[in-house]
């Protein structure tokens, strides 16, 4: 027999199956559950993008593209970066690349920047891939505790920076909390990282889902890119346009870093899915405001129902809320989430995203009726 322990790499022992997948598996035994766990929009892909994808397939645009992306899409991204971030890529010191989802961009950045012994600072709580970037690269992941308000500020980051720190990962609008940092906070973090010679990776996958009160003076998602060019911005199309399965994102940043990420993409992902690249070339001209407004109203439903019962930092973007389990219940986030299965509701334990297991995550990317049913069940248990 094969000796699995001998054959498997040591890094496999440092990576566990996502707790989100475990919640899906537990929920699989339920009949027609109220699923408040899925981190993807419930709305359909806009027809313009569907039609463009179908046209691309029928036109036989199904082969490889250039590693950095199809020229038409890459050029449109350069234009978008100029308009939204204020970055001019024509000078050669900044560039963009298309990636296989935003997760692909995160992995490529880790491979390009991190060696064993290096450190990367990430928020706690965090998106589940951030801690796994450590085993993938050999680097040490340093958590930045952002409880109870979930704001990853320069003041919280600075004490964690050492001579081994290579990268800080910032996520705003944030998963799992829905928190959006303001422009002053972004400026302070960008300045800190630049002054300390550390790359800031700004994960802005939910940029379109920034609610009215949290938008900057331009009516858009605050970003540290307005205060520095010595950083990497990662954004995507899947969450914003409902096409998560197309696996399409992009990165913008210093050309020296983009070129190294391109090398690793060439030997791993090769290129992002070609038909999807053709489909999203005009995505930024598609008006998604009605969906953003509808999700802001869903956010309001969550806050109105749960805020009287527990500590809840009001989400200002994305489509998540991260309430605390009421202490009077005497339950961990895991125990509480499992108890909700008895009420036909699936939520994600806070311990999936954090060293603490005191909260739980709700995704309100569901229709209003199902959300109302789920909130009613949550209120009945939390009261």
Protein backbone atom coordinates (compact mmCIF):
# COMPACT_ATOMS: atom_id res chain seq x y z
CA UNK A 1 0.00 0.00 0.00
CA UNK A 2 0.99 3.58 -0.58
CA UNK A 3 2.33 5.37 2.51
CA UNK A 4 0.20 8.49 2.38
CA UNK A 5 1.99 10.10 5.30
CA UNK A 6 5.29 9.77 3.46
CA UNK A 7 3.93 10.94 0.11
CA UNK A 8 1.85 13.94 1.12
CA UNK A 9 3.60 17.26 1.58
CA UNK A 10 3.81 18.80 5.04
CA UNK A 11 1.76 21.77 3.85
CA UNK A 12 -1.33 19.57 3.45
CA UNK A 13 -1.42 19.23 7.22
CA UNK A 14 -1.48 23.01 7.55
CA UNK A 15 -4.52 23.45 5.30
CA UNK A 16 -7.97 22.31 6.38
CA UNK A 17 -11.18 22.07 4.39
CA UNK A 18 -13.03 25.38 4.50
CA UNK A 19 -15.52 25.60 7.33
CA UNK A 20 -17.94 27.10 4.83
CA UNK A 21 -17.94 23.78 2.97
CA UNK A 22 -18.63 21.99 6.25
CA UNK A 23 -21.69 24.17 6.77
CA UNK A 24 -22.88 23.26 3.28
CA UNK A 25 -22.45 19.58 4.08
CA UNK A 26 -24.39 19.86 7.32
CA UNK A 27 -27.13 21.76 5.56
CA UNK A 28 -27.37 19.16 2.80
CA UNK A 29 -29.59 17.01 5.02
CA UNK A 30 -32.19 19.77 5.23
CA UNK A 31 -35.13 19.95 2.87
CA UNK A 32 -35.40 23.36 1.21
CA UNK A 33 -33.30 25.16 3.85
CA UNK A 34 -33.17 28.91 4.31
CA UNK A 35 -29.59 29.29 3.17
CA UNK A 36 -27.97 32.42 4.61
CA UNK A 37 -24.48 31.04 4.06
CA UNK A 38 -23.69 31.37 0.37
CA UNK A 39 -21.29 34.16 -0.47
CA UNK A 40 -22.53 34.86 -3.95
CA UNK A 41 -25.22 37.14 -5.38
CA UNK A 42 -28.65 35.68 -5.97
CA UNK A 43 -29.36 37.82 -9.04
CA UNK A 44 -28.77 36.65 -12.63
CA UNK A 45 -25.85 37.66 -14.81
CA UNK A 46 -26.86 40.73 -16.86
CA UNK A 47 -28.12 39.79 -20.32
CA UNK A 48 -25.44 41.90 -22.00
CA UNK A 49 -22.72 39.75 -20.41
CA UNK A 50 -24.56 36.50 -21.14
CA UNK A 51 -24.99 37.44 -24.79
CA UNK A 52 -21.34 38.46 -25.10
CA UNK A 53 -20.21 35.13 -23.62
CA UNK A 54 -22.45 33.15 -25.97
CA UNK A 55 -21.28 35.21 -28.96
CA UNK A 56 -17.65 34.61 -27.99
CA UNK A 57 -18.18 30.84 -27.76
CA UNK A 58 -19.98 30.70 -31.10
CA UNK A 59 -17.24 32.83 -32.65
CA UNK A 60 -14.75 30.16 -31.52
CA UNK A 61 -13.03 32.44 -29.01
CA UNK A 62 -12.42 29.39 -26.85
CA UNK A 63 -8.65 29.05 -26.94
CA UNK A 64 -5.94 30.51 -24.76
CA UNK A 65 -5.61 34.24 -24.44
CA UNK A 66 -2.39 36.01 -23.58
CA UNK A 67 -1.36 35.20 -20.01
CA UNK A 68 -2.13 38.73 -18.84
CA UNK A 69 -5.53 38.76 -20.51
CA UNK A 70 -7.21 39.44 -23.83
CA UNK A 71 -6.03 42.78 -25.26
CA UNK A 72 -9.54 44.24 -25.42
CA UNK A 73 -10.29 43.45 -21.79
CA UNK A 74 -6.87 44.50 -20.57
CA UNK A 75 -7.19 47.84 -22.36
CA UNK A 76 -10.65 48.40 -20.87
CA UNK A 77 -9.24 47.65 -17.42
CA UNK A 78 -6.45 50.18 -17.94
CA UNK A 79 -9.13 52.75 -18.80
CA UNK A 80 -11.19 51.77 -15.75
CA UNK A 81 -8.15 51.99 -13.46
CA UNK A 82 -7.44 55.46 -14.81
CA UNK A 83 -11.00 56.63 -14.20
CA UNK A 84 -11.63 54.93 -10.85
CA UNK A 85 -8.23 54.82 -9.18
CA UNK A 86 -6.63 57.80 -10.90
CA UNK A 87 -3.75 55.61 -12.10
CA UNK A 88 -2.23 56.29 -15.52
CA UNK A 89 -0.74 53.04 -16.81
CA UNK A 90 0.71 54.59 -19.97
CA UNK A 91 3.98 55.49 -18.26
CA UNK A 92 5.10 51.90 -17.82
CA UNK A 93 5.43 51.93 -14.04
CA UNK A 94 1.88 50.66 -13.43
CA UNK A 95 -0.02 47.89 -15.17
CA UNK A 96 -2.99 45.51 -14.96
CA UNK A 97 -3.49 41.80 -15.49
CA UNK A 98 -6.52 39.53 -15.73
CA UNK A 99 -6.60 36.68 -13.20
CA UNK A 100 -8.56 33.50 -12.56
CA UNK A 101 -10.79 35.06 -9.96
CA UNK A 102 -9.61 37.33 -7.20
CA UNK A 103 -8.40 34.24 -5.34
CA UNK A 104 -6.05 33.62 -8.27
CA UNK A 105 -4.66 37.12 -7.86
CA UNK A 106 -4.12 36.60 -4.13
CA UNK A 107 -2.24 33.35 -4.70
CA UNK A 108 -0.09 34.85 -7.45
CA UNK A 109 0.80 37.82 -5.26
CA UNK A 110 1.79 35.51 -2.40
CA UNK A 111 3.98 33.41 -4.70
CA UNK A 112 5.63 36.51 -6.12
CA UNK A 113 6.29 38.26 -2.80
CA UNK A 114 6.60 35.79 0.06
CA UNK A 115 9.41 33.44 1.09
CA UNK A 116 9.66 31.14 4.10
CA UNK A 117 10.36 33.34 7.13
CA UNK A 118 8.52 36.34 5.69
CA UNK A 119 5.40 37.68 7.38
CA UNK A 120 2.04 38.80 5.99
CA UNK A 121 -0.44 40.70 8.16
CA UNK A 122 -4.12 39.88 7.67
CA UNK A 123 -7.29 41.00 9.46
CA UNK A 124 -8.99 38.79 12.02
CA UNK A 125 -11.78 38.00 11.16
CA UNK A 126 -10.87 37.41 7.53
CA UNK A 127 -11.74 35.83 4.21
CA UNK A 128 -10.83 32.16 4.52
CA UNK A 129 -8.05 32.13 1.89
CA UNK A 130 -5.87 34.67 3.73
CA UNK A 131 -4.51 32.30 6.42
CA UNK A 132 -3.91 29.60 3.80
CA UNK A 133 -1.55 31.89 1.88
CA UNK A 134 0.96 31.06 4.64
CA UNK A 135 1.24 27.32 3.93
CA UNK A 136 1.04 28.02 0.19
CA UNK A 137 4.09 30.28 0.31
CA UNK A 138 5.93 29.23 3.46
CA UNK A 139 5.38 32.63 5.02
CA UNK A 140 4.00 33.32 8.50
CA UNK A 141 0.51 34.80 8.71
CA UNK A 142 0.18 37.44 11.43
CA UNK A 143 -3.42 38.16 12.45
CA UNK A 144 -4.49 41.72 13.17
CA UNK A 145 -7.27 41.67 15.76
CA UNK A 146 -9.95 44.10 14.59
CA UNK A 147 -12.67 43.31 17.16
CA UNK A 148 -15.09 44.75 18.16
CA UNK A 149 -15.69 47.34 15.41
CA UNK A 150 -13.91 45.33 12.66
CA UNK A 151 -11.94 48.29 11.33
CA UNK A 152 -8.41 47.41 10.24
CA UNK A 153 -6.67 50.70 10.99
CA UNK A 154 -3.08 51.86 10.70
CA UNK A 155 -2.93 52.04 14.49
CA UNK A 156 -3.76 48.35 14.74
CA UNK A 157 -1.41 47.35 11.92
CA UNK A 158 1.71 49.30 12.93
CA UNK A 159 2.64 47.33 16.10
CA UNK A 160 2.59 44.11 14.05
CA UNK A 161 5.09 45.25 11.42
CA UNK A 162 8.57 43.76 11.86
CA UNK A 163 11.67 43.56 9.69
CA UNK A 164 10.21 40.33 8.28
CA UNK A 165 6.90 41.89 7.18
CA UNK A 166 6.49 41.86 3.40
CA UNK A 167 2.77 42.37 2.88
CA UNK A 168 -0.40 43.65 4.54
CA UNK A 169 -3.76 42.44 3.23
CA UNK A 170 -6.67 44.84 3.54
CA UNK A 171 -10.26 43.89 2.67
CA UNK A 172 -12.87 46.63 2.32
CA UNK A 173 -15.82 46.18 1.82
CA UNK A 174 -15.07 43.23 4.03
CA UNK A 175 -15.99 39.58 4.21
CA UNK A 176 -17.34 38.49 6.71
CA UNK A 177 -18.26 41.78 8.39
CA UNK A 178 -19.46 44.11 5.63
CA UNK A 179 -17.36 46.96 7.09
CA UNK A 180 -16.08 49.68 4.74
CA UNK A 181 -13.10 51.83 5.76
CA UNK A 182 -13.32 55.54 5.07
CA UNK A 183 -10.93 57.63 2.98
CA UNK A 184 -8.92 58.89 5.96
CA UNK A 185 -8.37 55.33 7.20
CA UNK A 186 -7.30 54.29 3.72
CA UNK A 187 -4.83 57.16 3.51
CA UNK A 188 -3.28 56.30 6.87
CA UNK A 189 -2.81 52.63 5.95
CA UNK A 190 -1.36 53.45 2.53
CA UNK A 191 1.08 55.93 4.10
CA UNK A 192 2.12 53.50 6.82
CA UNK A 193 2.85 50.67 4.38
CA UNK A 194 4.71 52.92 1.96
CA UNK A 195 6.84 54.45 4.72
CA UNK A 196 7.72 51.01 6.12
CA UNK A 197 8.51 49.50 2.71
CA UNK A 198 5.67 46.97 2.89
CA UNK A 199 3.37 46.04 0.01
CA UNK A 200 -0.28 46.73 0.73
CA UNK A 201 -2.67 44.37 -1.05
CA UNK A 202 -6.13 45.92 -1.16
CA UNK A 203 -8.73 43.22 -1.78
CA UNK A 204 -11.68 45.17 -3.19
CA UNK A 205 -13.74 42.33 -4.62
CA UNK A 206 -16.98 43.90 -3.31
CA UNK A 207 -16.18 47.44 -4.50
CA UNK A 208 -19.47 47.87 -6.36
CA UNK A 209 -21.42 46.87 -3.23
CA UNK A 210 -20.54 49.97 -1.23
CA UNK A 211 -23.64 51.49 0.32
CA UNK A 212 -24.55 55.16 0.14
CA UNK A 213 -23.26 56.32 3.53
CA UNK A 214 -19.84 54.73 3.00
CA UNK A 215 -19.06 55.99 -0.51
CA UNK A 216 -16.28 58.53 -0.98
CA UNK A 217 -16.57 62.02 -2.46
CA UNK A 218 -16.69 60.50 -5.94
CA UNK A 219 -19.59 58.28 -4.96
CA UNK A 220 -17.45 55.15 -5.12
CA UNK A 221 -15.69 52.66 -2.89
CA UNK A 222 -12.90 54.27 -0.81
CA UNK A 223 -9.54 52.82 -1.79
CA UNK A 224 -5.94 53.32 -0.66
CA UNK A 225 -5.04 53.58 -4.35
CA UNK A 226 -6.15 57.22 -4.19
CA UNK A 227 -3.25 57.84 -1.80
CA UNK A 228 -0.43 55.66 -3.11
CA UNK A 229 0.72 53.77 -6.17
CA UNK A 230 2.99 51.46 -4.17
CA UNK A 231 0.33 48.83 -3.64
CA UNK A 232 -1.65 46.10 -5.38
CA UNK A 233 -5.39 46.46 -5.96
CA UNK A 234 -7.36 43.26 -6.53
CA UNK A 235 -10.89 43.39 -7.86
CA UNK A 236 -13.23 41.02 -9.64
CA UNK A 237 -16.34 40.51 -11.71
CA UNK A 238 -17.99 37.49 -10.08
CA UNK A 239 -19.55 39.18 -7.05
CA UNK A 240 -20.40 42.44 -8.81
CA UNK A 241 -22.13 40.87 -11.81
CA UNK A 242 -23.35 37.53 -10.45
CA UNK A 243 -20.92 35.44 -12.51
CA UNK A 244 -18.88 33.85 -9.72
CA UNK A 245 -18.46 30.62 -11.67
CA UNK A 246 -16.71 32.42 -14.50
CA UNK A 247 -13.67 32.87 -12.23
CA UNK A 248 -12.55 36.27 -13.40
CA UNK A 249 -10.68 38.98 -11.55
CA UNK A 250 -7.91 41.48 -12.13
CA UNK A 251 -4.95 43.04 -10.38
CA UNK A 252 -3.52 46.52 -10.79
CA UNK A 253 -0.24 47.70 -9.36
CA UNK A 254 3.46 48.34 -9.91
CA UNK A 255 4.66 46.85 -13.20
CA UNK A 256 7.57 45.09 -11.50
CA UNK A 257 5.10 43.11 -9.39
CA UNK A 258 2.58 42.47 -12.17
CA UNK A 259 5.38 41.05 -14.36
CA UNK A 260 6.38 38.56 -11.68
CA UNK A 261 2.76 37.54 -11.10
CA UNK A 262 2.40 37.00 -14.85
CA UNK A 263 5.29 34.54 -14.76
CA UNK A 264 3.59 32.46 -12.11
CA UNK A 265 0.25 32.66 -13.91
CA UNK A 266 1.89 31.35 -17.08
CA UNK A 267 2.92 28.17 -15.29
CA UNK A 268 -0.21 27.69 -13.16
CA UNK A 269 -3.55 29.13 -14.27
CA UNK A 270 -2.14 29.87 -17.79
CA UNK A 271 -4.89 32.44 -18.39
CA UNK A 272 -8.35 33.30 -17.14
CA UNK A 273 -11.31 31.65 -18.95
CA UNK A 274 -11.32 33.08 -22.46
CA UNK A 275 -15.05 33.35 -23.18
CA UNK A 276 -15.58 35.08 -19.82
CA UNK A 277 -12.89 37.61 -20.70
CA UNK A 278 -14.77 38.53 -23.87
CA UNK A 279 -18.02 38.72 -21.94
CA UNK A 280 -16.93 41.20 -19.27
CA UNK A 281 -14.99 43.62 -21.46
CA UNK A 282 -17.90 46.06 -21.24
CA UNK A 283 -19.04 45.11 -17.74
CA UNK A 284 -18.18 48.42 -16.13
CA UNK A 285 -20.73 50.16 -18.33
CA UNK A 286 -23.54 47.89 -17.07
CA UNK A 287 -25.77 49.63 -14.51
CA UNK A 288 -26.01 47.45 -11.39
CA UNK A 289 -27.40 50.20 -9.14
CA UNK A 290 -30.82 48.59 -8.69
CA UNK A 291 -29.19 45.47 -7.23
CA UNK A 292 -26.90 47.48 -4.97
CA UNK A 293 -29.90 49.42 -3.69
CA UNK A 294 -31.86 46.21 -3.13
CA UNK A 295 -29.00 44.74 -1.11
CA UNK A 296 -28.79 47.90 0.97
CA UNK A 297 -32.46 47.39 1.83
CA UNK A 298 -31.73 43.76 2.76
CA UNK A 299 -28.94 45.04 5.02
CA UNK A 300 -31.50 47.26 6.70
CA UNK A 301 -33.77 44.25 7.30
CA UNK A 302 -30.89 42.43 9.01
CA UNK A 303 -29.91 45.38 11.18
CA UNK A 304 -33.50 46.11 12.22
CA UNK A 305 -34.09 42.50 13.21
CA UNK A 306 -30.83 41.67 15.00
CA UNK A 307 -29.39 44.89 16.41
CA UNK A 308 -31.81 44.95 19.39
CA UNK A 309 -30.67 41.44 20.34
CA UNK A 310 -26.89 41.49 20.07
CA UNK A 311 -23.76 43.42 19.12
CA UNK A 312 -23.79 44.04 15.37
CA UNK A 313 -21.38 46.32 13.54
CA UNK A 314 -23.59 47.81 10.83
CA UNK A 315 -22.48 46.52 7.42
CA UNK A 316 -21.69 49.29 4.96
CA UNK A 317 -20.95 47.12 1.95
CA UNK A 318 -20.66 43.60 0.53
CA UNK A 319 -23.66 41.42 1.51
CA UNK A 320 -22.71 40.02 4.90
CA UNK A 321 -23.43 40.70 8.54
CA UNK A 322 -21.37 39.36 11.45
CA UNK A 323 -23.49 39.41 14.61
CA UNK A 324 -22.23 38.24 17.98
CA UNK A 325 -23.93 35.24 19.52
CA UNK A 326 -25.77 36.70 22.55
CA UNK A 327 -23.64 35.79 25.61
CA UNK A 328 -26.76 34.79 27.52
CA UNK A 329 -27.14 31.79 25.22
CA UNK A 330 -23.82 30.37 26.40
CA UNK A 331 -23.02 29.09 22.91
CA UNK A 332 -20.02 29.31 20.64
CA UNK A 333 -20.53 30.45 17.08
CA UNK A 334 -20.24 26.82 15.98
CA UNK A 335 -22.80 25.55 18.49
CA UNK A 336 -25.19 28.36 17.63
CA UNK A 337 -24.88 27.73 13.88
CA UNK A 338 -25.50 24.03 14.40
CA UNK A 339 -28.56 24.82 16.52
CA UNK A 340 -29.98 26.89 13.67
CA UNK A 341 -30.05 23.78 11.50
CA UNK A 342 -32.91 22.59 13.71
CA UNK A 343 -34.78 25.66 12.48
CA UNK A 344 -33.94 24.93 8.84
CA UNK A 345 -31.51 27.88 8.64
CA UNK A 346 -27.88 27.72 7.50
CA UNK A 347 -25.41 30.33 8.79
CA UNK A 348 -21.62 30.16 9.10
CA UNK A 349 -19.82 30.01 12.48
CA UNK A 350 -17.53 32.92 13.23
CA UNK A 351 -14.69 30.51 13.99
CA UNK A 352 -14.45 29.80 10.26
CA UNK A 353 -13.18 33.33 9.75
CA UNK A 354 -11.42 34.03 13.04
CA UNK A 355 -9.42 32.77 15.98
CA UNK A 356 -12.52 33.60 17.99
CA UNK A 357 -15.75 31.63 17.72
CA UNK A 358 -18.09 34.21 19.21
CA UNK A 359 -20.00 35.39 16.13
CA UNK A 360 -21.72 34.02 13.06
CA UNK A 361 -21.94 35.20 9.47
CA UNK A 362 -25.12 35.87 7.55
CA UNK A 363 -25.18 36.29 3.80
CA UNK A 364 -28.27 38.26 2.86
CA UNK A 365 -27.85 37.55 -0.86
CA UNK A 366 -31.27 35.87 -0.99
CA UNK A 367 -34.74 37.03 -1.92
CA UNK A 368 -36.57 39.16 0.62
CA UNK A 369 -39.10 36.50 1.56
CA UNK A 370 -36.50 33.88 2.45
CA UNK A 371 -34.42 36.48 4.28
CA UNK A 372 -37.43 37.50 6.36
CA UNK A 373 -38.10 33.84 7.25
CA UNK A 374 -34.49 33.31 8.24
CA UNK A 375 -34.39 36.45 10.35
CA UNK A 376 -37.59 35.43 12.10
CA UNK A 377 -36.00 32.10 13.02
CA UNK A 378 -32.81 33.79 14.22
CA UNK A 379 -34.75 36.24 16.35
CA UNK A 380 -36.74 33.43 17.94
CA UNK A 381 -33.54 31.66 19.00
CA UNK A 382 -31.63 34.79 20.04
CA UNK A 383 -34.43 36.38 22.07
